[in-house]
Amino acid sequence: MRFKNQQRGSSIPTINLVPMLDVLMTVLTFFIITSMVLTTQQGVDVQLPSDEAGATEQNSPEPLIAEVNRQGQILLGTQPISKEQLVQQMQAYLGKNPKGAVLLKADPKLPYDQVVQLLGEMRDIGGDRVSLAIQG
């Protein structure tokens, strides 16, 4: 006796994957388009220098350069000074040169917290015209 399901030469049933792939591609396309629409590009407003800016920078006065050596001494030029004298020199320089800048050159072997503390005290006096000089 033979059952209907056990016919000779019956082939293995196949699954058609094309409709499933169509659905997956549609869903993938939907998510790609949605992500592109919902994400906004963020930009940085950069002001490029012009020829006029270069001419005015050349007319700016020489910066006041204070140095700190490995021992923690503050030097203005070649002579050692105290913090109080540095404050007086900075106030006099910035009063005389409103567009002037004050630079702090620190020894690379000096502990970072000492440099940051002195730079902070200098910024209290000179504001945005005080910066740390780096060696390139």
C-alpha atoms as a PDB file:
ATOM      1  CA  MET A   1       0.000   0.000   0.000  1.00  0.00           C
ATOM      2  CA  ARG A   2       1.294   3.423  -0.955  1.00  0.00           C
ATOM      3  CA  PHE A   3       0.540   6.688   0.611  1.00  0.00           C
ATOM      4  CA  LYS A   4      -0.029   9.732  -1.533  1.00  0.00           C
ATOM      5  CA  ASN A   5       2.778  11.696   0.071  1.00  0.00           C
ATOM      6  CA  GLN A   6       5.399   9.072  -0.676  1.00  0.00           C
ATOM      7  CA  GLN A   7       5.441   9.266  -4.425  1.00  0.00           C
ATOM      8  CA  ARG A   8       8.521   8.229  -6.255  1.00  0.00           C
ATOM      9  CA  GLY A   9      10.635  10.993  -7.666  1.00  0.00           C
ATOM     10  CA  SER A  10       9.098  13.705  -5.518  1.00  0.00           C
ATOM     11  CA  SER A  11      11.370  16.721  -5.235  1.00  0.00           C
ATOM     12  CA  ILE A  12      12.291  18.630  -2.123  1.00  0.00           C
ATOM     13  CA  PRO A  13      10.095  21.698  -1.692  1.00  0.00           C
ATOM     14  CA  THR A  14      11.892  25.009  -2.388  1.00  0.00           C
ATOM     15  CA  ILE A  15      11.403  28.343  -0.748  1.00  0.00           C
ATOM     16  CA  ASN A  16      11.218  31.400  -2.919  1.00  0.00           C
ATOM     17  CA  LEU A  17      13.460  34.049  -1.237  1.00  0.00           C
ATOM     18  CA  VAL A  18      12.830  36.889  -3.690  1.00  0.00           C
ATOM     19  CA  PRO A  19       9.730  38.308  -1.929  1.00  0.00           C
ATOM     20  CA  MET A  20      11.497  38.156   1.452  1.00  0.00           C
ATOM     21  CA  LEU A  21      14.537  39.992   0.036  1.00  0.00           C
ATOM     22  CA  ASP A  22      12.243  42.632  -1.496  1.00  0.00           C
ATOM     23  CA  VAL A  23      10.680  43.284   1.898  1.00  0.00           C
ATOM     24  CA  LEU A  24      14.092  43.460   3.622  1.00  0.00           C
ATOM     25  CA  MET A  25      15.463  45.899   1.040  1.00  0.00           C
ATOM     26  CA  THR A  26      12.365  48.086   1.379  1.00  0.00           C
ATOM     27  CA  VAL A  27      12.710  48.197   5.167  1.00  0.00           C
ATOM     28  CA  LEU A  28      16.449  48.912   4.895  1.00  0.00           C
ATOM     29  CA  THR A  29      15.807  51.732   2.410  1.00  0.00           C
ATOM     30  CA  PHE A  30      13.169  53.190   4.735  1.00  0.00           C
ATOM     31  CA  PHE A  31      15.572  53.273   7.687  1.00  0.00           C
ATOM     32  CA  ILE A  32      18.407  54.770   5.636  1.00  0.00           C
ATOM     33  CA  ILE A  33      16.224  57.576   4.293  1.00  0.00           C
ATOM     34  CA  THR A  34      14.719  58.212   7.737  1.00  0.00           C
ATOM     35  CA  SER A  35      18.137  58.420   9.380  1.00  0.00           C
ATOM     36  CA  MET A  36      19.376  60.825   6.710  1.00  0.00           C
ATOM     37  CA  VAL A  37      16.378  63.114   7.169  1.00  0.00           C
ATOM     38  CA  LEU A  38      16.473  63.128  10.967  1.00  0.00           C
ATOM     39  CA  THR A  39      20.188  63.810  11.337  1.00  0.00           C
ATOM     40  CA  THR A  40      21.150  67.413  10.800  1.00  0.00           C
ATOM     41  CA  GLN A  41      24.616  68.398   9.829  1.00  0.00           C
ATOM     42  CA  GLN A  42      26.342  70.597  12.326  1.00  0.00           C
ATOM     43  CA  GLY A  43      28.917  73.060  11.198  1.00  0.00           C
ATOM     44  CA  VAL A  44      31.438  75.312  12.829  1.00  0.00           C
ATOM     45  CA  ASP A  45      31.352  78.984  11.994  1.00  0.00           C
ATOM     46  CA  VAL A  46      34.922  79.755  10.964  1.00  0.00           C
ATOM     47  CA  GLN A  47      36.051  83.240  10.107  1.00  0.00           C
ATOM     48  CA  LEU A  48      38.982  83.065   7.768  1.00  0.00           C
ATOM     49  CA  PRO A  49      41.625  85.776   7.981  1.00  0.00           C
ATOM     50  CA  SER A  50      41.632  88.452   5.328  1.00  0.00           C
ATOM     51  CA  ASP A  51      44.384  90.636   3.933  1.00  0.00           C
ATOM     52  CA  GLU A  52      43.284  93.484   6.173  1.00  0.00           C
ATOM     53  CA  ALA A  53      43.603  91.345   9.303  1.00  0.00           C
ATOM     54  CA  GLY A  54      47.221  90.541   8.428  1.00  0.00           C
ATOM     55  CA  ALA A  55      48.071  94.205   8.092  1.00  0.00           C
ATOM     56  CA  THR A  56      46.611  95.085  11.489  1.00  0.00           C
ATOM     57  CA  GLU A  57      48.390  92.201  13.200  1.00  0.00           C
ATOM     58  CA  GLN A  58      51.724  93.507  11.971  1.00  0.00           C
ATOM     59  CA  ASN A  59      51.029  96.823  13.703  1.00  0.00           C
ATOM     60  CA  SER A  60      50.344  95.178  17.067  1.00  0.00           C
ATOM     61  CA  PRO A  61      52.973  95.801  19.744  1.00  0.00           C
ATOM     62  CA  GLU A  62      55.493  93.212  20.850  1.00  0.00           C
ATOM     63  CA  PRO A  63      54.041  90.898  23.486  1.00  0.00           C
ATOM     64  CA  LEU A  64      55.196  90.985  27.093  1.00  0.00           C
ATOM     65  CA  ILE A  65      56.927  87.649  27.682  1.00  0.00           C
ATOM     66  CA  ALA A  66      57.222  86.225  31.173  1.00  0.00           C
ATOM     67  CA  GLU A  67      59.194  83.031  31.725  1.00  0.00           C
ATOM     68  CA  VAL A  68      59.150  80.467  34.517  1.00  0.00           C
ATOM     69  CA  ASN A  69      62.301  78.374  34.938  1.00  0.00           C
ATOM     70  CA  ARG A  70      62.715  74.906  36.476  1.00  0.00           C
ATOM     71  CA  GLN A  71      63.121  76.360  39.962  1.00  0.00           C
ATOM     72  CA  GLY A  72      59.783  78.162  39.668  1.00  0.00           C
ATOM     73  CA  GLN A  73      61.330  81.640  39.410  1.00  0.00           C
ATOM     74  CA  ILE A  74      59.505  84.175  37.259  1.00  0.00           C
ATOM     75  CA  LEU A  75      61.762  85.950  34.788  1.00  0.00           C
ATOM     76  CA  LEU A  76      60.927  89.080  32.854  1.00  0.00           C
ATOM     77  CA  GLY A  77      63.608  89.361  30.237  1.00  0.00           C
ATOM     78  CA  THR A  78      66.670  88.080  32.098  1.00  0.00           C
ATOM     79  CA  GLN A  79      65.948  89.392  35.578  1.00  0.00           C
ATOM     80  CA  PRO A  80      63.994  87.418  38.180  1.00  0.00           C
ATOM     81  CA  ILE A  81      60.907  89.130  39.608  1.00  0.00           C
ATOM     82  CA  SER A  82      58.194  88.318  42.139  1.00  0.00           C
ATOM     83  CA  LYS A  83      54.502  87.752  41.377  1.00  0.00           C
ATOM     84  CA  GLU A  84      53.669  91.222  42.697  1.00  0.00           C
ATOM     85  CA  GLN A  85      56.210  92.799  40.354  1.00  0.00           C
ATOM     86  CA  LEU A  86      54.813  90.744  37.478  1.00  0.00           C
ATOM     87  CA  VAL A  87      51.326  92.048  38.270  1.00  0.00           C
ATOM     88  CA  GLN A  88      52.606  95.633  38.216  1.00  0.00           C
ATOM     89  CA  GLN A  89      54.504  95.087  34.955  1.00  0.00           C
ATOM     90  CA  MET A  90      51.449  93.479  33.324  1.00  0.00           C
ATOM     91  CA  GLN A  91      49.122  96.284  34.413  1.00  0.00           C
ATOM     92  CA  ALA A  92      51.552  98.901  33.124  1.00  0.00           C
ATOM     93  CA  TYR A  93      52.054  97.058  29.818  1.00  0.00           C
ATOM     94  CA  LEU A  94      48.330  96.431  29.220  1.00  0.00           C
ATOM     95  CA  GLY A  95      47.494 100.023  30.159  1.00  0.00           C
ATOM     96  CA  LYS A  96      50.056 101.323  27.684  1.00  0.00           C
ATOM     97  CA  ASN A  97      49.216  98.766  24.942  1.00  0.00           C
ATOM     98  CA  PRO A  98      45.470  98.031  24.819  1.00  0.00           C
ATOM     99  CA  LYS A  99      45.979  95.566  21.937  1.00  0.00           C
ATOM    100  CA  GLY A 100      49.064  93.975  23.482  1.00  0.00           C
ATOM    101  CA  ALA A 101      49.394  90.359  24.560  1.00  0.00           C
ATOM    102  CA  VAL A 102      51.097  88.730  27.514  1.00  0.00           C
ATOM    103  CA  LEU A 103      52.770  85.358  27.001  1.00  0.00           C
ATOM    104  CA  LEU A 104      53.893  82.885  29.637  1.00  0.00           C
ATOM    105  CA  LYS A 105      56.793  80.628  28.691  1.00  0.00           C
ATOM    106  CA  ALA A 106      57.082  77.762  31.137  1.00  0.00           C
ATOM    107  CA  ASP A 107      59.869  75.218  31.437  1.00  0.00           C
ATOM    108  CA  PRO A 108      58.674  71.785  30.253  1.00  0.00           C
ATOM    109  CA  LYS A 109      60.030  70.143  33.429  1.00  0.00           C
ATOM    110  CA  LEU A 110      57.958  72.430  35.669  1.00  0.00           C
ATOM    111  CA  PRO A 111      54.928  70.761  37.326  1.00  0.00           C
ATOM    112  CA  TYR A 112      51.767  71.469  35.359  1.00  0.00           C
ATOM    113  CA  ASP A 113      49.739  72.668  38.334  1.00  0.00           C
ATOM    114  CA  GLN A 114      52.239  75.465  39.047  1.00  0.00           C
ATOM    115  CA  VAL A 115      51.975  76.641  35.446  1.00  0.00           C
ATOM    116  CA  VAL A 116      48.171  76.551  35.511  1.00  0.00           C
ATOM    117  CA  GLN A 117      48.051  78.450  38.801  1.00  0.00           C
ATOM    118  CA  LEU A 118      50.327  81.237  37.533  1.00  0.00           C
ATOM    119  CA  LEU A 119      48.487  81.378  34.210  1.00  0.00           C
ATOM    120  CA  GLY A 120      45.183  81.692  36.077  1.00  0.00           C
ATOM    121  CA  GLU A 121      46.523  84.587  38.164  1.00  0.00           C
ATOM    122  CA  MET A 122      47.782  86.271  35.007  1.00  0.00           C
ATOM    123  CA  ARG A 123      44.387  85.830  33.302  1.00  0.00           C
ATOM    124  CA  ASP A 124      42.701  87.527  36.265  1.00  0.00           C
ATOM    125  CA  ILE A 125      44.720  90.617  35.356  1.00  0.00           C
ATOM    126  CA  GLY A 126      44.885  90.467  31.553  1.00  0.00           C
ATOM    127  CA  GLY A 127      41.803  88.484  30.589  1.00  0.00           C
ATOM    128  CA  ASP A 128      41.827  87.113  27.068  1.00  0.00           C
ATOM    129  CA  ARG A 129      45.122  88.800  26.210  1.00  0.00           C
ATOM    130  CA  VAL A 130      47.103  86.315  28.322  1.00  0.00           C
ATOM    131  CA  SER A 131      48.154  83.002  26.826  1.00  0.00           C
ATOM    132  CA  LEU A 132      50.578  80.150  27.307  1.00  0.00           C
ATOM    133  CA  ALA A 133      53.441  80.052  24.822  1.00  0.00           C
ATOM    134  CA  ILE A 134      54.268  76.644  23.408  1.00  0.00           C
ATOM    135  CA  GLN A 135      57.329  75.495  21.573  1.00  0.00           C
ATOM    136  CA  GLY A 136      56.514  73.908  18.220  1.00  0.00           C
END
